[in-house]
Amino acid sequence: MAYVLGYIYADGSLEDASYLRGKYLRVTSTDRKSIVRIRRWMNSEHTIVVQKPSVKHPGKIRYCLRIGSHKLYNNLMIYGLRPRKSLTIQFPEIPPPFLSHYVRGYLDGDGCIYLERGTGSKKQRILKRLSVIFTSGSPGYLKGLEEALRKRLRLSERRIYSSARAFQLRFSTRDSLKICDFLYKGMRKGQYLERKFAVYQHYLELKNGAVVK
């Protein structure tokens, strides 16, 4: 459930449909496996709706899980979620035993693991850096996330960057390796988004003999 909460903070939203006397959680992603996983872990039997690209939502096909529940809605409000949360959310209080699962959920929703390569002096391909990057519309949320990871893993202090549409928190190679080990150690296949984990694994496979900054 810590993973689910992190994923909801990234790709979820609350909807107060007063005209229907309903309160809903909506989780949307372009990755169907992630939505199926969230539905299974929440013991939900709700239909996953396929949303094809449109003028309002261009790009890839999106998959949406919408759960109507006053109890679930109110519990998520206690954890700090609000309707139209993207610009205002703050990092919640996560008990230490669950921090890695929460952050892994958020990474799978609104983060990435980036492997950058370059060209060496002899024109050979070399590894330059591995970066774990978190994205949010709320700089306050990213600051709270940065502080939580820095204190837990003894990382270097990082600044929050402003991009065209959101804010980003980026980590150096050294700190990214600490974060990935923290998030994935002891996890089984199916407990994370495989394509992001694969980037980390690929870096580990290539780093012997590589130039790393």
C-alpha atoms as a PDB file:
ATOM      1  CA  MET A   1       0.000   0.000   0.000  1.00  0.00           C
ATOM      2  CA  ALA A   2       2.978   2.335   0.466  1.00  0.00           C
ATOM      3  CA  TYR A   3       3.849   1.736  -3.199  1.00  0.00           C
ATOM      4  CA  VAL A   4       0.230   2.376  -4.187  1.00  0.00           C
ATOM      5  CA  LEU A   5       0.162   5.640  -2.216  1.00  0.00           C
ATOM      6  CA  GLY A   6       3.364   6.786  -3.942  1.00  0.00           C
ATOM      7  CA  TYR A   7       1.931   5.918  -7.339  1.00  0.00           C
ATOM      8  CA  ILE A   8      -1.306   7.769  -6.544  1.00  0.00           C
ATOM      9  CA  TYR A   9       0.712  10.856  -5.525  1.00  0.00           C
ATOM     10  CA  ALA A  10       2.291  10.724  -8.978  1.00  0.00           C
ATOM     11  CA  ASP A  11      -0.464   9.608 -11.349  1.00  0.00           C
ATOM     12  CA  GLY A  12      -3.631   9.726  -9.273  1.00  0.00           C
ATOM     13  CA  SER A  13      -6.268  12.368  -8.646  1.00  0.00           C
ATOM     14  CA  LEU A  14      -9.296  12.852  -6.416  1.00  0.00           C
ATOM     15  CA  GLU A  15     -12.665  13.835  -7.844  1.00  0.00           C
ATOM     16  CA  ASP A  16     -15.460  15.212  -5.687  1.00  0.00           C
ATOM     17  CA  ALA A  17     -18.534  14.733  -7.887  1.00  0.00           C
ATOM     18  CA  SER A  18     -21.031  16.402  -5.576  1.00  0.00           C
ATOM     19  CA  TYR A  19     -23.697  16.451  -8.276  1.00  0.00           C
ATOM     20  CA  LEU A  20     -23.611  12.637  -8.209  1.00  0.00           C
ATOM     21  CA  ARG A  21     -23.030  12.394  -4.460  1.00  0.00           C
ATOM     22  CA  GLY A  22     -19.889  10.520  -5.356  1.00  0.00           C
ATOM     23  CA  LYS A  23     -16.230  10.750  -4.455  1.00  0.00           C
ATOM     24  CA  TYR A  24     -13.693   9.064  -6.697  1.00  0.00           C
ATOM     25  CA  LEU A  25     -10.062   8.094  -6.982  1.00  0.00           C
ATOM     26  CA  ARG A  26      -8.775   8.170 -10.539  1.00  0.00           C
ATOM     27  CA  VAL A  27      -5.402   6.634 -11.505  1.00  0.00           C
ATOM     28  CA  THR A  28      -4.242   7.083 -15.093  1.00  0.00           C
ATOM     29  CA  SER A  29      -1.160   5.872 -16.961  1.00  0.00           C
ATOM     30  CA  THR A  30       0.103   5.023 -20.433  1.00  0.00           C
ATOM     31  CA  ASP A  31       1.482   1.804 -18.942  1.00  0.00           C
ATOM     32  CA  ARG A  32      -1.304  -0.765 -18.696  1.00  0.00           C
ATOM     33  CA  LYS A  33       0.681  -3.170 -16.512  1.00  0.00           C
ATOM     34  CA  SER A  34       1.042  -0.491 -13.851  1.00  0.00           C
ATOM     35  CA  ILE A  35      -2.706   0.126 -13.719  1.00  0.00           C
ATOM     36  CA  VAL A  36      -3.410  -3.613 -13.584  1.00  0.00           C
ATOM     37  CA  ARG A  37      -0.932  -3.924 -10.708  1.00  0.00           C
ATOM     38  CA  ILE A  38      -2.531  -1.060  -8.778  1.00  0.00           C
ATOM     39  CA  ARG A  39      -6.004  -2.535  -9.282  1.00  0.00           C
ATOM     40  CA  ARG A  40      -4.845  -5.955  -8.077  1.00  0.00           C
ATOM     41  CA  TRP A  41      -3.093  -4.621  -4.981  1.00  0.00           C
ATOM     42  CA  MET A  42      -6.179  -2.578  -4.080  1.00  0.00           C
ATOM     43  CA  ASN A  43      -8.413  -5.654  -4.470  1.00  0.00           C
ATOM     44  CA  SER A  44     -10.475  -3.736  -7.009  1.00  0.00           C
ATOM     45  CA  GLU A  45     -12.713  -5.235  -9.669  1.00  0.00           C
ATOM     46  CA  HIS A  46     -13.384  -1.907 -11.379  1.00  0.00           C
ATOM     47  CA  THR A  47     -13.063  -1.708 -15.143  1.00  0.00           C
ATOM     48  CA  ILE A  48      -9.899  -0.226 -16.610  1.00  0.00           C
ATOM     49  CA  VAL A  49     -11.057   2.301 -19.187  1.00  0.00           C
ATOM     50  CA  VAL A  50      -9.013   2.743 -22.370  1.00  0.00           C
ATOM     51  CA  GLN A  51      -8.658   6.402 -23.373  1.00  0.00           C
ATOM     52  CA  LYS A  52      -7.524   6.871 -26.960  1.00  0.00           C
ATOM     53  CA  PRO A  53      -5.543   9.986 -27.969  1.00  0.00           C
ATOM     54  CA  SER A  54      -7.611  13.112 -28.559  1.00  0.00           C
ATOM     55  CA  VAL A  55      -7.163  16.855 -28.922  1.00  0.00           C
ATOM     56  CA  LYS A  56      -7.363  17.234 -25.134  1.00  0.00           C
ATOM     57  CA  HIS A  57      -5.133  14.215 -24.437  1.00  0.00           C
ATOM     58  CA  PRO A  58      -2.768  13.755 -27.407  1.00  0.00           C
ATOM     59  CA  GLY A  59      -0.044  11.141 -27.537  1.00  0.00           C
ATOM     60  CA  LYS A  60      -0.246   7.540 -26.341  1.00  0.00           C
ATOM     61  CA  ILE A  61      -3.218   5.449 -25.301  1.00  0.00           C
ATOM     62  CA  ARG A  62      -3.994   5.994 -21.613  1.00  0.00           C
ATOM     63  CA  TYR A  63      -5.480   3.530 -19.131  1.00  0.00           C
ATOM     64  CA  CYS A  64      -7.701   4.787 -16.339  1.00  0.00           C
ATOM     65  CA  LEU A  65      -8.855   3.113 -13.124  1.00  0.00           C
ATOM     66  CA  ARG A  66     -11.721   5.017 -11.447  1.00  0.00           C
ATOM     67  CA  ILE A  67     -12.893   3.878  -8.011  1.00  0.00           C
ATOM     68  CA  GLY A  68     -15.885   5.412  -6.291  1.00  0.00           C
ATOM     69  CA  SER A  69     -15.548   5.293  -2.491  1.00  0.00           C
ATOM     70  CA  HIS A  70     -16.192   7.941   0.152  1.00  0.00           C
ATOM     71  CA  LYS A  71     -14.030   6.008   2.627  1.00  0.00           C
ATOM     72  CA  LEU A  72     -11.063   5.723   0.259  1.00  0.00           C
ATOM     73  CA  TYR A  73     -11.399   9.362  -0.788  1.00  0.00           C
ATOM     74  CA  ASN A  74     -11.486  10.587   2.818  1.00  0.00           C
ATOM     75  CA  ASN A  75      -8.536   8.394   3.843  1.00  0.00           C
ATOM     76  CA  LEU A  76      -6.429   9.782   1.001  1.00  0.00           C
ATOM     77  CA  MET A  77      -7.364  13.298   2.112  1.00  0.00           C
ATOM     78  CA  ILE A  78      -5.902  12.438   5.521  1.00  0.00           C
ATOM     79  CA  TYR A  79      -2.639  11.496   3.785  1.00  0.00           C
ATOM     80  CA  GLY A  80      -2.516  14.930   2.163  1.00  0.00           C
ATOM     81  CA  LEU A  81      -4.082  14.406  -1.258  1.00  0.00           C
ATOM     82  CA  ARG A  82      -6.559  16.964  -2.597  1.00  0.00           C
ATOM     83  CA  PRO A  83      -8.529  17.521  -5.804  1.00  0.00           C
ATOM     84  CA  ARG A  84      -6.395  19.455  -8.323  1.00  0.00           C
ATOM     85  CA  LYS A  85      -3.332  18.484  -6.291  1.00  0.00           C
ATOM     86  CA  SER A  86      -0.553  18.770  -8.862  1.00  0.00           C
ATOM     87  CA  LEU A  87       0.682  22.261  -7.922  1.00  0.00           C
ATOM     88  CA  THR A  88       0.095  22.153  -4.179  1.00  0.00           C
ATOM     89  CA  ILE A  89       0.880  18.700  -2.770  1.00  0.00           C
ATOM     90  CA  GLN A  90       3.471  18.322  -0.034  1.00  0.00           C
ATOM     91  CA  PHE A  91       5.551  15.280   0.802  1.00  0.00           C
ATOM     92  CA  PRO A  92       3.611  13.134   3.323  1.00  0.00           C
ATOM     93  CA  GLU A  93       4.942  11.630   6.540  1.00  0.00           C
ATOM     94  CA  ILE A  94       6.015   8.099   5.605  1.00  0.00           C
ATOM     95  CA  PRO A  95       7.186   5.722   8.378  1.00  0.00           C
ATOM     96  CA  PRO A  96      10.831   4.670   7.735  1.00  0.00           C
ATOM     97  CA  PRO A  97      10.055   0.962   7.012  1.00  0.00           C
ATOM     98  CA  PHE A  98       7.787   2.001   4.111  1.00  0.00           C
ATOM     99  CA  LEU A  99       9.821   4.844   2.584  1.00  0.00           C
ATOM    100  CA  SER A 100      11.498   2.759  -0.131  1.00  0.00           C
ATOM    101  CA  HIS A 101       8.166   1.324  -1.292  1.00  0.00           C
ATOM    102  CA  TYR A 102       6.488   4.738  -1.356  1.00  0.00           C
ATOM    103  CA  VAL A 103       9.349   6.327  -3.320  1.00  0.00           C
ATOM    104  CA  ARG A 104       9.473   3.386  -5.754  1.00  0.00           C
ATOM    105  CA  GLY A 105       5.769   3.898  -6.419  1.00  0.00           C
ATOM    106  CA  TYR A 106       6.274   7.598  -7.050  1.00  0.00           C
ATOM    107  CA  LEU A 107       9.264   6.906  -9.314  1.00  0.00           C
ATOM    108  CA  ASP A 108       7.214   4.458 -11.382  1.00  0.00           C
ATOM    109  CA  GLY A 109       4.561   7.134 -11.828  1.00  0.00           C
ATOM    110  CA  ASP A 110       6.440  10.440 -12.135  1.00  0.00           C
ATOM    111  CA  GLY A 111      10.118   9.663 -12.295  1.00  0.00           C
ATOM    112  CA  CYS A 112      12.752   8.143 -14.523  1.00  0.00           C
ATOM    113  CA  ILE A 113      16.146   6.471 -14.431  1.00  0.00           C
ATOM    114  CA  TYR A 114      18.330   7.953 -17.149  1.00  0.00           C
ATOM    115  CA  LEU A 115      21.538   6.490 -18.550  1.00  0.00           C
ATOM    116  CA  GLU A 116      23.730   8.969 -20.416  1.00  0.00           C
ATOM    117  CA  ARG A 117      26.559   7.856 -22.676  1.00  0.00           C
ATOM    118  CA  GLY A 118      29.312   9.791 -24.390  1.00  0.00           C
ATOM    119  CA  THR A 119      32.307   9.406 -26.668  1.00  0.00           C
ATOM    120  CA  GLY A 120      35.819   8.938 -25.271  1.00  0.00           C
ATOM    121  CA  SER A 121      39.113  10.360 -26.542  1.00  0.00           C
ATOM    122  CA  LYS A 122      39.505   7.347 -28.829  1.00  0.00           C
ATOM    123  CA  LYS A 123      35.941   7.655 -30.137  1.00  0.00           C
ATOM    124  CA  GLN A 124      34.799   4.726 -27.997  1.00  0.00           C
ATOM    125  CA  ARG A 125      31.391   4.781 -26.354  1.00  0.00           C
ATOM    126  CA  ILE A 126      31.625   5.371 -22.607  1.00  0.00           C
ATOM    127  CA  LEU A 127      29.206   5.726 -19.728  1.00  0.00           C
ATOM    128  CA  LYS A 128      28.944   9.281 -18.464  1.00  0.00           C
ATOM    129  CA  ARG A 129      26.322   9.154 -15.749  1.00  0.00           C
ATOM    130  CA  LEU A 130      23.275   7.486 -14.254  1.00  0.00           C
ATOM    131  CA  SER A 131      20.558   9.833 -13.028  1.00  0.00           C
ATOM    132  CA  VAL A 132      17.450   9.237 -10.971  1.00  0.00           C
ATOM    133  CA  ILE A 133      14.997  12.052 -11.725  1.00  0.00           C
ATOM    134  CA  PHE A 134      11.709  12.860  -9.984  1.00  0.00           C
ATOM    135  CA  THR A 135       9.160  15.259 -11.500  1.00  0.00           C
ATOM    136  CA  SER A 136       6.304  17.206  -9.884  1.00  0.00           C
ATOM    137  CA  GLY A 137       4.278  20.350 -10.371  1.00  0.00           C
ATOM    138  CA  SER A 138       4.965  21.182  -6.712  1.00  0.00           C
ATOM    139  CA  PRO A 139       8.506  22.266  -5.750  1.00  0.00           C
ATOM    140  CA  GLY A 140       7.532  21.851  -2.107  1.00  0.00           C
ATOM    141  CA  TYR A 141       6.809  18.175  -2.673  1.00  0.00           C
ATOM    142  CA  LEU A 142      10.190  17.587  -4.316  1.00  0.00           C
ATOM    143  CA  LYS A 143      11.967  19.426  -1.507  1.00  0.00           C
ATOM    144  CA  GLY A 144      10.320  17.136   1.030  1.00  0.00           C
ATOM    145  CA  LEU A 145      11.278  14.087  -1.031  1.00  0.00           C
ATOM    146  CA  GLU A 146      14.874  15.314  -1.320  1.00  0.00           C
ATOM    147  CA  GLU A 147      15.135  15.830   2.438  1.00  0.00           C
ATOM    148  CA  ALA A 148      13.676  12.394   3.209  1.00  0.00           C
ATOM    149  CA  LEU A 149      16.095  10.592   0.873  1.00  0.00           C
ATOM    150  CA  ARG A 150      19.089  12.689   1.926  1.00  0.00           C
ATOM    151  CA  LYS A 151      18.580  11.961   5.613  1.00  0.00           C
ATOM    152  CA  ARG A 152      17.903   8.257   5.069  1.00  0.00           C
ATOM    153  CA  LEU A 153      20.715   7.563   2.589  1.00  0.00           C
ATOM    154  CA  ARG A 154      23.223  10.317   3.459  1.00  0.00           C
ATOM    155  CA  LEU A 155      23.051  11.867   0.013  1.00  0.00           C
ATOM    156  CA  SER A 156      24.451  15.172  -1.184  1.00  0.00           C
ATOM    157  CA  GLU A 157      22.018  18.090  -0.986  1.00  0.00           C
ATOM    158  CA  ARG A 158      20.328  18.737  -4.316  1.00  0.00           C
ATOM    159  CA  ARG A 159      18.532  21.763  -5.735  1.00  0.00           C
ATOM    160  CA  ILE A 160      15.126  21.728  -7.447  1.00  0.00           C
ATOM    161  CA  TYR A 161      15.186  22.587 -11.165  1.00  0.00           C
ATOM    162  CA  SER A 162      12.390  24.288 -13.073  1.00  0.00           C
ATOM    163  CA  SER A 163      11.621  22.829 -16.504  1.00  0.00           C
ATOM    164  CA  ALA A 164       9.115  23.948 -19.120  1.00  0.00           C
ATOM    165  CA  ARG A 165       6.052  22.305 -17.537  1.00  0.00           C
ATOM    166  CA  ALA A 166       7.115  21.105 -14.069  1.00  0.00           C
ATOM    167  CA  PHE A 167       9.906  20.907 -11.512  1.00  0.00           C
ATOM    168  CA  GLN A 168      12.602  18.245 -11.344  1.00  0.00           C
ATOM    169  CA  LEU A 169      14.819  16.722  -8.682  1.00  0.00           C
ATOM    170  CA  ARG A 170      17.919  15.111 -10.203  1.00  0.00           C
ATOM    171  CA  PHE A 171      20.607  13.031  -8.521  1.00  0.00           C
ATOM    172  CA  SER A 172      24.260  12.383  -9.400  1.00  0.00           C
ATOM    173  CA  THR A 173      25.533   8.941 -10.371  1.00  0.00           C
ATOM    174  CA  ARG A 174      26.844   8.204  -6.885  1.00  0.00           C
ATOM    175  CA  ASP A 175      23.574   9.138  -5.192  1.00  0.00           C
ATOM    176  CA  SER A 176      21.456   7.530  -7.923  1.00  0.00           C
ATOM    177  CA  LEU A 177      23.159   4.191  -7.244  1.00  0.00           C
ATOM    178  CA  LYS A 178      22.348   4.529  -3.544  1.00  0.00           C
ATOM    179  CA  ILE A 179      18.730   5.340  -4.357  1.00  0.00           C
ATOM    180  CA  CYS A 180      18.316   2.437  -6.796  1.00  0.00           C
ATOM    181  CA  ASP A 181      19.829  -0.017  -4.333  1.00  0.00           C
ATOM    182  CA  PHE A 182      17.462   1.321  -1.659  1.00  0.00           C
ATOM    183  CA  LEU A 183      14.410   1.018  -3.912  1.00  0.00           C
ATOM    184  CA  TYR A 184      15.067  -2.355  -5.526  1.00  0.00           C
ATOM    185  CA  LYS A 185      17.030  -4.413  -3.009  1.00  0.00           C
ATOM    186  CA  GLY A 186      15.058  -7.559  -2.164  1.00  0.00           C
ATOM    187  CA  MET A 187      12.225  -6.748  -4.559  1.00  0.00           C
ATOM    188  CA  ARG A 188      10.787  -9.424  -6.823  1.00  0.00           C
ATOM    189  CA  LYS A 189       9.775  -9.052 -10.448  1.00  0.00           C
ATOM    190  CA  GLY A 190       6.280  -7.598 -10.552  1.00  0.00           C
ATOM    191  CA  GLN A 191       6.890  -5.194  -7.648  1.00  0.00           C
ATOM    192  CA  TYR A 192       8.210  -2.395  -9.850  1.00  0.00           C
ATOM    193  CA  LEU A 193       7.995  -1.011 -13.380  1.00  0.00           C
ATOM    194  CA  GLU A 194      10.369  -3.270 -15.278  1.00  0.00           C
ATOM    195  CA  ARG A 195      11.496  -0.840 -17.983  1.00  0.00           C
ATOM    196  CA  LYS A 196      12.828   1.626 -15.375  1.00  0.00           C
ATOM    197  CA  PHE A 197      14.537  -1.086 -13.355  1.00  0.00           C
ATOM    198  CA  ALA A 198      16.096  -2.361 -16.606  1.00  0.00           C
ATOM    199  CA  VAL A 199      17.981   0.933 -17.080  1.00  0.00           C
ATOM    200  CA  TYR A 200      19.581   0.536 -13.638  1.00  0.00           C
ATOM    201  CA  GLN A 201      20.444  -3.092 -14.365  1.00  0.00           C
ATOM    202  CA  HIS A 202      21.925  -2.165 -17.737  1.00  0.00           C
ATOM    203  CA  TYR A 203      24.158   0.426 -16.082  1.00  0.00           C
ATOM    204  CA  LEU A 204      25.470  -2.153 -13.607  1.00  0.00           C
ATOM    205  CA  GLU A 205      26.225  -4.545 -16.462  1.00  0.00           C
ATOM    206  CA  LEU A 206      28.156  -1.905 -18.423  1.00  0.00           C
ATOM    207  CA  LYS A 207      30.015   0.014 -15.721  1.00  0.00           C
ATOM    208  CA  ASN A 208      33.061  -2.314 -15.440  1.00  0.00           C
ATOM    209  CA  GLY A 209      35.852  -0.544 -17.266  1.00  0.00           C
ATOM    210  CA  ALA A 210      33.642   2.462 -18.103  1.00  0.00           C
ATOM    211  CA  VAL A 211      34.437   6.075 -17.315  1.00  0.00           C
ATOM    212  CA  VAL A 212      31.855   7.275 -14.813  1.00  0.00           C
ATOM    213  CA  LYS A 213      31.344  10.840 -13.606  1.00  0.00           C
END
